[in-house]
N, C-alpha and C. Protein backbone atom coordinates (compact mmCIF):
# COMPACT_ATOMS: atom_id res chain seq x y z
N MET A 1 23.48 94.83 -39.99
CA MET A 1 25.01 95.00 -39.76
C MET A 1 25.88 94.61 -38.29
N SER A 2 26.66 93.79 -39.23
CA SER A 2 27.62 93.97 -37.47
C SER A 2 28.31 94.32 -37.59
N GLU A 3 28.56 94.87 -36.20
CA GLU A 3 29.77 96.46 -36.28
C GLU A 3 30.46 95.54 -34.99
N PRO A 4 31.74 95.09 -35.07
CA PRO A 4 32.48 94.48 -34.51
C PRO A 4 33.57 95.35 -33.21
N ASP A 5 33.80 95.34 -32.08
CA ASP A 5 33.88 96.27 -31.12
C ASP A 5 35.58 96.10 -31.00
N SER A 6 36.22 95.35 -31.74
CA SER A 6 37.57 95.19 -31.19
C SER A 6 38.20 94.59 -32.38
N PRO A 7 40.10 95.13 -32.37
CA PRO A 7 40.47 94.49 -34.19
C PRO A 7 40.74 92.82 -34.04
N VAL A 8 40.63 92.65 -35.16
CA VAL A 8 40.75 90.94 -35.08
C VAL A 8 42.26 90.66 -34.84
N PRO A 9 42.53 89.57 -33.77
CA PRO A 9 43.44 89.39 -33.49
C PRO A 9 44.39 88.61 -34.20
N VAL A 10 46.01 88.69 -34.22
CA VAL A 10 46.65 87.90 -35.27
C VAL A 10 48.07 87.67 -35.11
N PRO A 11 48.07 85.82 -34.69
CA PRO A 11 46.85 85.17 -35.88
C PRO A 11 46.01 85.23 -35.04
N VAL A 12 44.63 84.36 -36.06
CA VAL A 12 43.34 84.37 -35.67
C VAL A 12 43.65 82.65 -35.09
N PRO A 13 43.20 82.28 -34.38
CA PRO A 13 43.07 80.60 -33.77
C PRO A 13 43.05 80.14 -34.79
N VAL A 14 43.41 78.72 -35.13
CA VAL A 14 42.81 77.57 -36.07
C VAL A 14 42.41 76.47 -35.44
N PRO A 15 41.39 76.14 -34.69
CA PRO A 15 41.10 74.98 -34.11
C PRO A 15 40.99 73.78 -35.34
N ASP A 16 41.39 72.87 -34.53
CA ASP A 16 40.73 71.62 -35.51
C ASP A 16 38.94 71.59 -35.76
N ALA A 17 39.03 71.09 -36.98
CA ALA A 17 37.64 70.46 -37.47
C ALA A 17 37.60 69.42 -37.75
N PRO A 18 36.99 68.59 -36.56
CA PRO A 18 36.52 67.60 -37.34
C PRO A 18 35.63 66.93 -38.71
N LEU A 19 35.92 66.18 -39.47
CA LEU A 19 34.83 66.59 -40.72
C LEU A 19 34.20 65.01 -40.81
N PRO A 20 33.12 65.06 -40.99
CA PRO A 20 32.15 63.70 -41.33
C PRO A 20 33.08 62.67 -42.17
N GLY A 21 33.08 61.50 -41.55
CA GLY A 21 33.90 60.25 -42.09
C GLY A 21 35.18 60.17 -41.19
N GLY A 22 35.76 61.05 -40.33
CA GLY A 22 37.00 60.80 -39.59
C GLY A 22 38.21 61.59 -40.09
N ALA A 23 37.75 62.52 -41.18
CA ALA A 23 38.95 63.03 -41.64
C ALA A 23 39.08 64.95 -40.32
N VAL A 24 40.11 65.32 -40.10
CA VAL A 24 40.15 66.33 -39.60
C VAL A 24 40.81 67.57 -40.14
N MET A 25 40.20 68.86 -40.31
CA MET A 25 40.83 69.64 -40.99
C MET A 25 41.50 70.51 -40.05
N ARG A 26 42.81 70.59 -40.06
CA ARG A 26 43.46 71.51 -39.18
C ARG A 26 45.04 71.91 -39.66
N LEU A 27 45.71 73.22 -38.84
CA LEU A 27 46.19 74.09 -39.18
C LEU A 27 47.58 73.16 -39.16
N VAL A 28 48.34 73.66 -40.95
CA VAL A 28 49.52 72.72 -41.01
C VAL A 28 50.25 72.90 -39.66
N ARG A 29 51.07 71.86 -39.85
CA ARG A 29 52.17 71.87 -38.88
C ARG A 29 53.77 71.25 -39.26
N PRO A 30 54.40 72.39 -39.02
CA PRO A 30 56.33 71.54 -39.08
C PRO A 30 56.39 69.86 -39.37
N GLY A 31 55.76 69.35 -38.64
CA GLY A 31 55.94 67.87 -38.78
C GLY A 31 55.56 67.41 -39.95
N ASP A 32 54.57 67.93 -40.75
CA ASP A 32 53.82 67.29 -42.00
C ASP A 32 54.60 66.93 -43.04
N ALA A 33 55.42 67.74 -43.21
CA ALA A 33 56.50 68.02 -44.08
C ALA A 33 56.62 66.38 -45.19
N PRO A 34 56.88 65.57 -44.48
CA PRO A 34 56.98 63.91 -44.95
C PRO A 34 55.80 63.61 -45.24
N ALA A 35 54.56 63.32 -44.55
CA ALA A 35 53.14 63.19 -45.20
C ALA A 35 52.91 64.15 -46.02
N LEU A 36 53.00 65.36 -46.36
CA LEU A 36 52.95 65.98 -47.52
C LEU A 36 53.51 65.69 -48.64
N LEU A 37 55.05 66.05 -48.13
CA LEU A 37 56.14 65.04 -49.35
C LEU A 37 55.35 64.02 -50.32
N ALA A 38 54.88 62.94 -49.19
CA ALA A 38 54.15 61.40 -49.83
C ALA A 38 53.06 61.82 -50.66
N ALA A 39 52.11 62.71 -50.17
CA ALA A 39 50.58 63.07 -50.76
C ALA A 39 51.36 63.47 -51.85
N TYR A 40 51.83 65.18 -52.09
CA TYR A 40 52.18 65.30 -53.26
C TYR A 40 52.86 64.42 -54.40
N ARG A 41 53.97 63.64 -54.23
CA ARG A 41 54.03 62.35 -54.81
C ARG A 41 52.88 61.35 -55.56
N ARG A 42 52.25 61.05 -54.32
CA ARG A 42 51.45 59.91 -54.43
C ARG A 42 50.16 60.77 -55.77
N ASN A 43 50.11 61.80 -55.71
CA ASN A 43 49.16 62.62 -56.65
C ASN A 43 49.47 63.16 -57.68
N ALA A 44 50.55 63.44 -57.77
CA ALA A 44 51.76 64.27 -58.61
C ALA A 44 50.33 64.27 -60.56
N ASP A 45 50.42 62.70 -60.50
CA ASP A 45 49.32 63.10 -61.95
C ASP A 45 48.67 63.62 -61.75
N HIS A 46 47.65 62.95 -60.96
CA HIS A 46 46.36 63.81 -60.47
C HIS A 46 46.00 65.49 -60.47
N LEU A 47 47.61 66.14 -59.69
CA LEU A 47 47.19 67.27 -59.77
C LEU A 47 48.09 68.48 -61.21
N ALA A 48 48.88 67.44 -61.59
CA ALA A 48 49.40 68.12 -62.43
C ALA A 48 48.59 68.94 -63.44
N PRO A 49 47.84 68.65 -64.35
CA PRO A 49 46.55 69.78 -65.10
C PRO A 49 46.41 70.71 -64.46
N THR A 50 45.99 70.84 -62.94
CA THR A 50 45.74 72.43 -62.19
C THR A 50 46.26 73.07 -61.65
N GLU A 51 47.50 72.61 -61.80
CA GLU A 51 48.80 73.23 -60.77
C GLU A 51 50.25 74.08 -61.91
N PRO A 52 50.58 74.85 -61.14
CA PRO A 52 51.44 75.54 -61.75
C PRO A 52 52.85 74.77 -61.37
N ARG A 53 53.41 74.63 -62.74
CA ARG A 53 55.12 73.32 -62.47
C ARG A 53 55.96 73.94 -61.54
N ARG A 54 56.20 73.03 -60.71
CA ARG A 54 56.81 73.13 -59.17
C ARG A 54 58.48 72.84 -59.84
N GLY A 55 59.53 73.59 -59.41
CA GLY A 55 60.53 72.97 -59.22
C GLY A 55 61.18 72.04 -58.67
N GLU A 56 61.86 71.38 -58.59
CA GLU A 56 63.20 70.24 -58.30
C GLU A 56 62.55 70.31 -56.66
N ARG A 57 63.17 71.41 -55.46
CA ARG A 57 63.24 71.60 -54.65
C ARG A 57 61.68 71.04 -54.02
N PHE A 58 60.75 71.68 -54.64
CA PHE A 58 59.55 71.04 -53.88
C PHE A 58 59.11 69.54 -53.79
N ALA A 59 59.71 69.16 -54.40
CA ALA A 59 59.52 66.93 -54.22
C ALA A 59 60.38 66.75 -53.10
N THR A 60 61.15 67.83 -52.16
CA THR A 60 62.15 67.19 -51.50
C THR A 60 61.77 67.37 -49.98
N LEU A 61 61.54 66.68 -49.23
CA LEU A 61 61.42 67.50 -48.19
C LEU A 61 61.98 68.45 -47.24
N GLU A 62 63.04 68.25 -47.83
CA GLU A 62 63.46 70.28 -47.65
C GLU A 62 62.96 71.34 -47.84
N GLY A 63 61.90 70.92 -49.22
CA GLY A 63 61.51 72.13 -49.69
C GLY A 63 60.17 72.00 -49.26
N GLN A 64 59.48 71.00 -48.84
CA GLN A 64 58.14 70.68 -48.25
C GLN A 64 57.95 71.41 -46.49
N ALA A 65 59.86 71.00 -46.20
CA ALA A 65 59.90 72.06 -44.68
C ALA A 65 59.49 73.51 -44.93
N GLU A 66 60.69 73.85 -46.02
CA GLU A 66 60.93 75.19 -46.29
C GLU A 66 59.27 75.97 -46.35
N ARG A 67 58.39 75.04 -47.30
CA ARG A 67 57.07 75.93 -47.80
C ARG A 67 55.90 75.58 -46.29
N ILE A 68 56.43 75.37 -45.43
CA ILE A 68 55.30 74.91 -44.45
C ILE A 68 55.93 76.26 -43.53
N ALA A 69 56.69 76.03 -43.26
CA ALA A 69 57.73 77.25 -42.30
C ALA A 69 56.95 78.49 -43.33
N GLY A 70 56.86 78.80 -44.60
CA GLY A 70 57.02 79.72 -45.28
C GLY A 70 54.92 80.49 -45.04
N GLN A 71 54.55 79.17 -44.82
CA GLN A 71 53.05 79.35 -45.23
C GLN A 71 52.30 79.52 -43.40
N LEU A 72 53.57 79.54 -42.42
CA LEU A 72 53.29 79.88 -41.16
C LEU A 72 53.50 81.10 -40.76
N ARG A 73 54.82 81.67 -41.20
CA ARG A 73 54.92 82.90 -41.03
C ARG A 73 53.85 84.02 -41.72
N GLU A 74 53.40 83.88 -43.11
CA GLU A 74 52.17 84.31 -43.47
C GLU A 74 51.02 84.16 -42.58
N TRP A 75 50.84 82.85 -42.01
CA TRP A 75 49.41 83.24 -41.32
C TRP A 75 49.76 83.93 -39.86
N GLU A 76 50.67 83.84 -39.11
CA GLU A 76 50.89 84.69 -38.11
C GLU A 76 51.31 86.17 -38.66
N ALA A 77 51.01 86.46 -39.75
CA ALA A 77 51.36 88.09 -40.40
C ALA A 77 49.52 88.16 -40.51
N GLY A 78 48.90 87.08 -40.97
CA GLY A 78 47.56 87.09 -40.75
C GLY A 78 46.86 87.75 -42.16
N ARG A 79 47.53 86.92 -43.18
CA ARG A 79 48.00 86.69 -44.30
C ARG A 79 46.52 85.27 -44.87
N THR A 80 47.22 84.75 -44.58
CA THR A 80 46.77 82.98 -45.16
C THR A 80 46.39 82.37 -43.74
N VAL A 81 45.53 81.45 -44.50
CA VAL A 81 45.04 80.43 -42.90
C VAL A 81 45.46 78.86 -44.08
N PRO A 82 46.55 78.36 -44.01
CA PRO A 82 46.88 77.12 -44.40
C PRO A 82 46.35 75.62 -44.00
N TRP A 83 45.62 74.91 -44.28
CA TRP A 83 44.44 73.64 -43.61
C TRP A 83 45.29 72.64 -44.21
N VAL A 84 45.70 71.77 -43.39
CA VAL A 84 45.93 69.99 -43.80
C VAL A 84 44.40 69.42 -43.73
N LEU A 85 43.69 68.32 -44.41
CA LEU A 85 42.91 67.53 -44.32
C LEU A 85 43.60 65.87 -43.77
N ASP A 86 43.39 66.16 -42.66
CA ASP A 86 43.92 64.55 -42.19
C ASP A 86 43.60 63.58 -42.10
N GLY A 87 44.09 62.40 -42.25
CA GLY A 87 43.51 61.24 -42.74
C GLY A 87 43.45 60.54 -41.66
N SER A 88 44.01 60.64 -40.48
CA SER A 88 45.14 59.87 -39.43
C SER A 88 43.93 58.94 -38.89
N GLY A 89 42.24 59.64 -38.48
CA GLY A 89 41.41 58.95 -38.08
C GLY A 89 40.33 58.03 -39.23
N VAL A 90 40.79 58.12 -40.55
CA VAL A 90 39.73 57.14 -41.29
C VAL A 90 40.80 56.33 -41.95
N PRO A 91 39.72 54.68 -41.46
CA PRO A 91 40.67 53.85 -41.26
C PRO A 91 40.94 53.51 -42.91
N GLY A 92 42.47 53.21 -42.96
CA GLY A 92 43.17 52.75 -44.86
C GLY A 92 43.79 54.09 -45.18
N ALA A 93 43.26 54.87 -44.63
CA ALA A 93 43.79 55.87 -45.56
C ALA A 93 44.75 56.60 -44.80
N HIS A 94 45.66 57.85 -45.79
CA HIS A 94 46.96 58.45 -45.54
C HIS A 94 46.75 59.45 -45.44
N PRO A 95 47.58 59.59 -44.34
CA PRO A 95 47.94 61.09 -43.33
C PRO A 95 47.75 62.50 -43.82
N VAL A 96 47.64 62.70 -44.98
CA VAL A 96 46.91 63.94 -45.50
C VAL A 96 46.53 63.42 -46.84
N LEU A 97 45.45 63.75 -46.67
CA LEU A 97 44.07 63.72 -47.44
C LEU A 97 44.03 64.93 -48.52
N GLY A 98 44.96 65.90 -48.26
CA GLY A 98 44.40 67.18 -48.80
C GLY A 98 44.69 68.05 -48.24
N THR A 99 44.98 69.36 -49.20
CA THR A 99 44.73 70.63 -48.49
C THR A 99 44.01 71.66 -48.51
N LEU A 100 43.38 72.37 -47.79
CA LEU A 100 42.95 73.86 -48.32
C LEU A 100 43.33 75.29 -47.55
N THR A 101 43.53 76.48 -48.62
CA THR A 101 44.09 77.11 -47.92
C THR A 101 43.95 78.81 -48.90
N PHE A 102 43.49 79.70 -47.47
CA PHE A 102 43.15 80.76 -47.51
C PHE A 102 44.39 81.97 -48.06
N THR A 103 44.36 82.50 -49.21
CA THR A 103 45.82 83.57 -49.43
C THR A 103 45.08 84.39 -49.59
N GLY A 104 45.82 85.60 -49.67
CA GLY A 104 45.85 86.93 -49.84
C GLY A 104 44.56 88.05 -49.42
N ILE A 105 44.74 87.14 -47.87
CA ILE A 105 43.69 87.85 -46.94
C ILE A 105 44.02 89.60 -46.61
N VAL A 106 42.89 90.30 -47.44
CA VAL A 106 42.86 91.58 -47.42
C VAL A 106 42.21 91.99 -46.28
N ARG A 107 42.30 93.08 -45.66
CA ARG A 107 40.99 93.67 -44.13
C ARG A 107 41.11 94.93 -45.18
N GLY A 108 40.91 96.13 -44.22
CA GLY A 108 40.31 97.54 -44.80
C GLY A 108 39.03 97.04 -45.13
N PRO A 109 38.55 98.35 -46.58
CA PRO A 109 37.57 98.43 -47.08
C PRO A 109 36.92 96.71 -48.41
N LEU A 110 38.31 96.09 -48.26
CA LEU A 110 37.76 94.35 -49.32
C LEU A 110 37.34 93.86 -48.60
N LEU A 111 38.11 93.48 -46.94
CA LEU A 111 37.62 92.04 -46.01
C LEU A 111 37.56 90.80 -47.14
N SER A 112 38.40 89.95 -48.18
CA SER A 112 38.72 89.30 -48.57
C SER A 112 39.82 88.55 -48.85
N ALA A 113 39.41 87.40 -49.63
CA ALA A 113 40.29 85.96 -49.51
C ALA A 113 40.15 85.33 -50.83
N SER A 114 41.36 84.49 -51.14
CA SER A 114 41.49 83.69 -51.90
C SER A 114 41.27 82.24 -51.28
N VAL A 115 40.55 81.35 -51.83
CA VAL A 115 40.33 80.01 -51.64
C VAL A 115 41.18 79.10 -52.57
N GLY A 116 41.38 77.80 -52.35
CA GLY A 116 42.27 76.93 -53.07
C GLY A 116 42.31 75.87 -52.51
N TYR A 117 42.07 74.31 -53.05
CA TYR A 117 42.29 72.86 -52.21
C TYR A 117 42.21 72.30 -53.56
N TRP A 118 42.67 71.00 -52.84
CA TRP A 118 42.72 69.84 -53.72
C TRP A 118 42.60 68.24 -52.81
N VAL A 119 42.41 67.66 -53.22
CA VAL A 119 41.74 65.93 -52.54
C VAL A 119 42.53 65.14 -53.28
N ASP A 120 42.83 64.16 -52.90
CA ASP A 120 43.76 63.20 -52.63
C ASP A 120 43.02 62.43 -53.26
N ARG A 121 43.72 61.85 -54.43
CA ARG A 121 43.21 60.69 -56.16
C ARG A 121 41.83 60.03 -55.22
N GLU A 122 42.65 59.07 -54.28
CA GLU A 122 41.28 58.17 -53.76
C GLU A 122 40.55 58.93 -53.03
N HIS A 123 40.11 59.88 -52.57
CA HIS A 123 39.20 60.54 -52.08
C HIS A 123 37.90 61.63 -52.40
N THR A 124 38.64 61.48 -53.92
CA THR A 124 37.65 62.91 -54.95
C THR A 124 36.06 61.77 -54.45
N GLY A 125 35.32 62.48 -54.60
CA GLY A 125 33.73 62.54 -55.34
C GLY A 125 33.18 61.52 -54.18
N ARG A 126 34.10 61.95 -52.61
CA ARG A 126 33.11 61.79 -51.57
C ARG A 126 32.80 62.84 -51.05
N GLY A 127 32.60 63.75 -51.23
CA GLY A 127 32.46 64.70 -50.38
C GLY A 127 33.26 65.95 -49.45
N LEU A 128 34.76 65.32 -49.28
CA LEU A 128 35.52 65.50 -48.52
C LEU A 128 35.40 67.07 -48.99
N ALA A 129 35.87 67.35 -50.56
CA ALA A 129 36.47 68.63 -50.14
C ALA A 129 35.10 69.60 -50.20
N GLY A 130 34.11 69.20 -50.28
CA GLY A 130 32.38 70.06 -49.84
C GLY A 130 32.62 70.44 -48.63
N GLN A 131 33.18 69.47 -47.41
CA GLN A 131 33.08 69.70 -46.35
C GLN A 131 33.76 70.42 -45.73
N ALA A 132 35.31 70.59 -46.35
CA ALA A 132 36.34 71.12 -46.10
C ALA A 132 35.72 72.42 -46.63
N LEU A 133 35.01 72.96 -47.70
CA LEU A 133 34.93 74.33 -48.13
C LEU A 133 33.57 74.56 -46.91
N ALA A 134 33.34 73.99 -46.77
CA ALA A 134 31.90 74.67 -45.89
C ALA A 134 32.48 75.34 -44.90
N HIS A 135 33.16 74.16 -44.13
CA HIS A 135 33.71 74.89 -42.88
C HIS A 135 35.40 75.81 -42.91
N ALA A 136 35.72 75.79 -44.17
CA ALA A 136 36.58 77.41 -44.40
C ALA A 136 35.31 78.44 -44.92
N VAL A 137 34.38 78.05 -45.20
CA VAL A 137 33.37 79.39 -45.55
C VAL A 137 33.04 79.72 -43.99
N ALA A 138 32.52 79.33 -43.13
CA ALA A 138 31.90 79.37 -41.99
C ALA A 138 33.02 79.72 -41.17
N TYR A 139 34.33 79.59 -40.99
CA TYR A 139 35.49 79.95 -40.24
C TYR A 139 35.82 81.74 -40.83
N ALA A 140 35.99 81.62 -42.54
CA ALA A 140 35.93 83.06 -42.83
C ALA A 140 35.08 84.13 -42.21
N ARG A 141 33.86 83.88 -41.98
CA ARG A 141 32.79 84.30 -41.80
C ARG A 141 32.70 85.01 -40.03
N ASP A 142 32.97 83.61 -39.76
CA ASP A 142 32.69 83.67 -38.46
C ASP A 142 34.15 84.84 -37.13
N ALA A 143 35.27 83.44 -37.60
CA ALA A 143 36.77 84.03 -37.03
C ALA A 143 37.55 84.98 -37.62
N LEU A 144 37.11 85.24 -39.24
CA LEU A 144 38.39 85.99 -39.78
C LEU A 144 37.00 87.24 -40.08
N GLY A 145 35.24 87.55 -39.96
CA GLY A 145 35.34 88.40 -40.09
C GLY A 145 35.13 89.01 -41.41
N LEU A 146 35.64 88.37 -42.80
CA LEU A 146 35.78 88.43 -43.91
C LEU A 146 34.31 88.84 -44.55
N HIS A 147 34.36 89.56 -45.75
CA HIS A 147 32.89 89.78 -46.55
C HIS A 147 33.02 88.99 -47.81
N ARG A 148 34.07 88.47 -48.30
CA ARG A 148 33.62 87.82 -49.44
C ARG A 148 35.09 86.83 -49.64
N LEU A 149 34.84 85.81 -50.52
CA LEU A 149 35.28 84.87 -50.76
C LEU A 149 35.59 84.64 -52.39
N GLU A 150 36.92 84.50 -52.69
CA GLU A 150 36.38 84.14 -54.25
C GLU A 150 37.78 82.98 -54.57
N ALA A 151 37.16 82.54 -55.77
CA ALA A 151 37.71 81.28 -56.44
C ALA A 151 38.35 81.43 -57.73
N GLY A 152 38.91 80.51 -57.85
CA GLY A 152 38.88 79.88 -59.85
C GLY A 152 39.45 78.48 -60.23
N THR A 153 38.84 78.10 -61.55
CA THR A 153 38.93 77.60 -61.60
C THR A 153 39.54 76.86 -63.20
N LEU A 154 40.23 76.22 -63.81
CA LEU A 154 39.98 76.13 -65.39
C LEU A 154 38.75 76.09 -65.87
N LEU A 155 38.33 76.28 -67.04
CA LEU A 155 37.16 76.20 -67.46
C LEU A 155 36.51 74.95 -67.90
N ASP A 156 37.71 73.54 -67.68
CA ASP A 156 37.04 72.06 -68.09
C ASP A 156 37.31 71.29 -66.29
N ASN A 157 37.29 72.43 -65.25
CA ASN A 157 37.24 71.79 -64.33
C ASN A 157 35.91 71.67 -63.81
N THR A 158 35.26 70.65 -63.88
CA THR A 158 33.57 70.97 -63.77
C THR A 158 33.52 70.52 -62.05
N ALA A 159 34.80 69.11 -62.00
CA ALA A 159 34.41 68.56 -60.19
C ALA A 159 34.63 70.29 -59.84
N SER A 160 35.42 70.72 -59.29
CA SER A 160 36.14 72.18 -58.47
C SER A 160 34.64 72.75 -58.57
N GLN A 161 34.39 72.94 -60.16
CA GLN A 161 33.07 74.05 -60.29
C GLN A 161 31.96 73.66 -59.26
N ARG A 162 31.79 72.46 -59.60
CA ARG A 162 30.39 71.81 -58.43
C ARG A 162 30.78 72.40 -57.20
N VAL A 163 31.74 71.85 -56.51
CA VAL A 163 31.86 72.28 -55.63
C VAL A 163 31.36 73.09 -54.80
N LEU A 164 32.14 74.62 -55.81
CA LEU A 164 32.15 75.97 -55.43
C LEU A 164 30.90 76.06 -55.51
N LEU A 165 30.03 75.76 -56.08
CA LEU A 165 28.15 76.17 -56.89
C LEU A 165 28.07 75.45 -55.36
N ARG A 166 28.05 74.21 -54.74
CA ARG A 166 27.61 74.32 -54.01
C ARG A 166 27.54 74.89 -52.72
N ALA A 167 28.96 75.50 -52.66
CA ALA A 167 29.02 76.15 -51.15
C ALA A 167 28.10 77.64 -51.59
N GLY A 168 27.57 77.41 -52.13
CA GLY A 168 27.49 78.91 -52.51
C GLY A 168 27.93 80.41 -53.01
N PHE A 169 29.14 79.84 -53.99
CA PHE A 169 29.84 80.59 -55.10
C PHE A 169 29.03 80.79 -56.07
N THR A 170 28.73 82.03 -56.57
CA THR A 170 28.30 82.44 -57.96
C THR A 170 29.42 82.82 -59.21
N TRP A 171 29.37 82.62 -60.06
CA TRP A 171 30.39 83.05 -61.19
C TRP A 171 30.03 83.92 -61.75
N TYR A 172 31.36 84.72 -61.81
CA TYR A 172 31.18 86.75 -61.88
C TYR A 172 32.08 86.52 -63.38
N GLY A 173 32.67 85.67 -63.70
CA GLY A 173 33.04 85.92 -65.35
C GLY A 173 34.44 85.04 -65.44
N THR A 174 34.66 85.45 -66.34
CA THR A 174 35.93 84.22 -67.01
C THR A 174 37.31 85.01 -67.31
N ALA A 175 37.94 85.03 -66.76
CA ALA A 175 39.34 85.78 -66.44
C ALA A 175 40.60 85.20 -67.97
N PRO A 176 40.66 85.87 -69.03
CA PRO A 176 41.47 85.64 -70.13
C PRO A 176 43.09 85.27 -69.29
N ASP A 177 43.66 84.78 -69.65
CA ASP A 177 45.11 84.36 -69.61
C ASP A 177 45.58 84.49 -67.92
N TYR A 178 44.63 84.16 -67.22
CA TYR A 178 44.63 84.36 -65.59
C TYR A 178 45.92 83.71 -64.86
N LEU A 179 46.13 82.09 -64.89
CA LEU A 179 47.09 82.16 -64.67
C LEU A 179 48.28 80.50 -65.14
N HIS A 180 49.17 80.46 -64.81
CA HIS A 180 50.25 79.82 -65.74
C HIS A 180 50.45 78.42 -64.65
N ILE A 181 49.54 77.53 -65.67
CA ILE A 181 49.07 76.26 -65.24
C ILE A 181 49.12 75.17 -66.01
N ALA A 182 49.91 74.20 -65.60
CA ALA A 182 51.03 73.29 -66.27
C ALA A 182 51.67 73.36 -67.90
N GLY A 183 52.15 74.59 -67.55
CA GLY A 183 53.33 74.91 -68.55
C GLY A 183 52.34 76.11 -69.55
N ALA A 184 51.33 76.89 -69.23
CA ALA A 184 50.66 77.77 -70.04
C ALA A 184 50.02 78.70 -69.43
N TRP A 185 49.62 79.76 -70.03
CA TRP A 185 48.25 80.41 -69.32
C TRP A 185 47.23 79.75 -69.59
N ARG A 186 46.44 80.12 -68.68
CA ARG A 186 45.66 79.80 -69.04
C ARG A 186 44.00 80.51 -68.29
N ASP A 187 43.19 80.01 -69.43
CA ASP A 187 41.78 80.92 -68.61
C ASP A 187 41.26 80.52 -67.62
N HIS A 188 40.90 81.09 -66.83
CA HIS A 188 39.63 80.72 -65.43
C HIS A 188 38.58 81.57 -65.28
N HIS A 189 37.45 80.18 -65.03
CA HIS A 189 36.43 81.07 -64.49
C HIS A 189 36.32 81.54 -63.05
N ARG A 190 36.23 82.55 -62.69
CA ARG A 190 36.11 83.25 -61.27
C ARG A 190 34.13 83.23 -60.78
N TYR A 191 34.62 82.71 -59.39
CA TYR A 191 33.78 82.91 -58.73
C TYR A 191 33.48 83.35 -57.20
N GLN A 192 32.84 83.79 -56.57
CA GLN A 192 32.73 84.57 -55.21
C GLN A 192 32.07 84.13 -55.08
N LEU A 193 31.84 84.28 -53.13
CA LEU A 193 31.01 84.17 -51.97
C LEU A 193 30.47 85.16 -51.00
N ILE A 194 29.51 85.92 -51.24
CA ILE A 194 29.61 87.22 -50.59
C ILE A 194 29.38 86.21 -49.06
N LEU A 195 29.62 86.65 -47.87
CA LEU A 195 29.50 85.98 -46.76
C LEU A 195 28.69 87.14 -46.06
N GLY A 196 28.27 88.18 -46.01
CA GLY A 196 27.60 89.05 -45.37
C GLY A 196 27.63 90.44 -45.34
N GLU A 197 26.96 91.53 -44.62
CA GLU A 197 27.24 92.53 -44.24
C GLU A 197 28.24 92.96 -42.93
N VAL A 198 29.52 93.09 -43.55
CA VAL A 198 30.49 93.50 -41.88
C VAL A 198 30.78 94.32 -42.15
N GLU A 199 31.24 95.52 -41.06
CA GLU A 199 32.05 96.61 -41.12
C GLU A 199 33.42 96.44 -40.86
N PRO A 200 33.83 96.84 -42.12
CA PRO A 200 35.55 96.98 -41.61
C PRO A 200 35.71 96.91 -40.45
N ARG A 201 36.91 96.09 -39.82
CA ARG A 201 37.45 96.37 -38.37
C ARG A 201 39.06 96.78 -37.98
N PRO A 202 38.97 97.86 -37.44
CA PRO A 202 40.40 98.65 -37.45
C PRO A 202 41.62 97.60 -37.93
């Protein structure tokens, strides 16, 4: 059992992480607002079945800038880690190929976080989600010192379920009416990954 001898700094640094194929997984930046807006617009139909319905402001540059600012405030407080999958180094790719986010980071005796992600429709099935999740798992264990990650999927989202299972997550139950997705309360399969025996830090 590991016994860290110092508290976790807040915010925990998030170094850029090159992924196979040329993408880079990095912390979101204020300047990402235009590229994220374009990515969400480009993937609107692709994401609609698995996302909550957003207000009109979400689909504006101002709305994306506000969202990024909020995410960075939460990161500075140690409650979230908002990554983007930067495609600038991928030939012919868009600047943003998706996102992966830790939310609800809890310390104390729980030491857990929730993980969510999406990948651009033109890059699904190429292993990008799995590569990003593998890096996120290592970061949660080694940088954040977490004990557990959890995630949920719609019952019919077999692609995301495969990504989670390949990363070592296990199914532990089904939650009825868990999230309001695409206009209705939806059941979700729940998955978790135990990262190891970690002594809670102060």
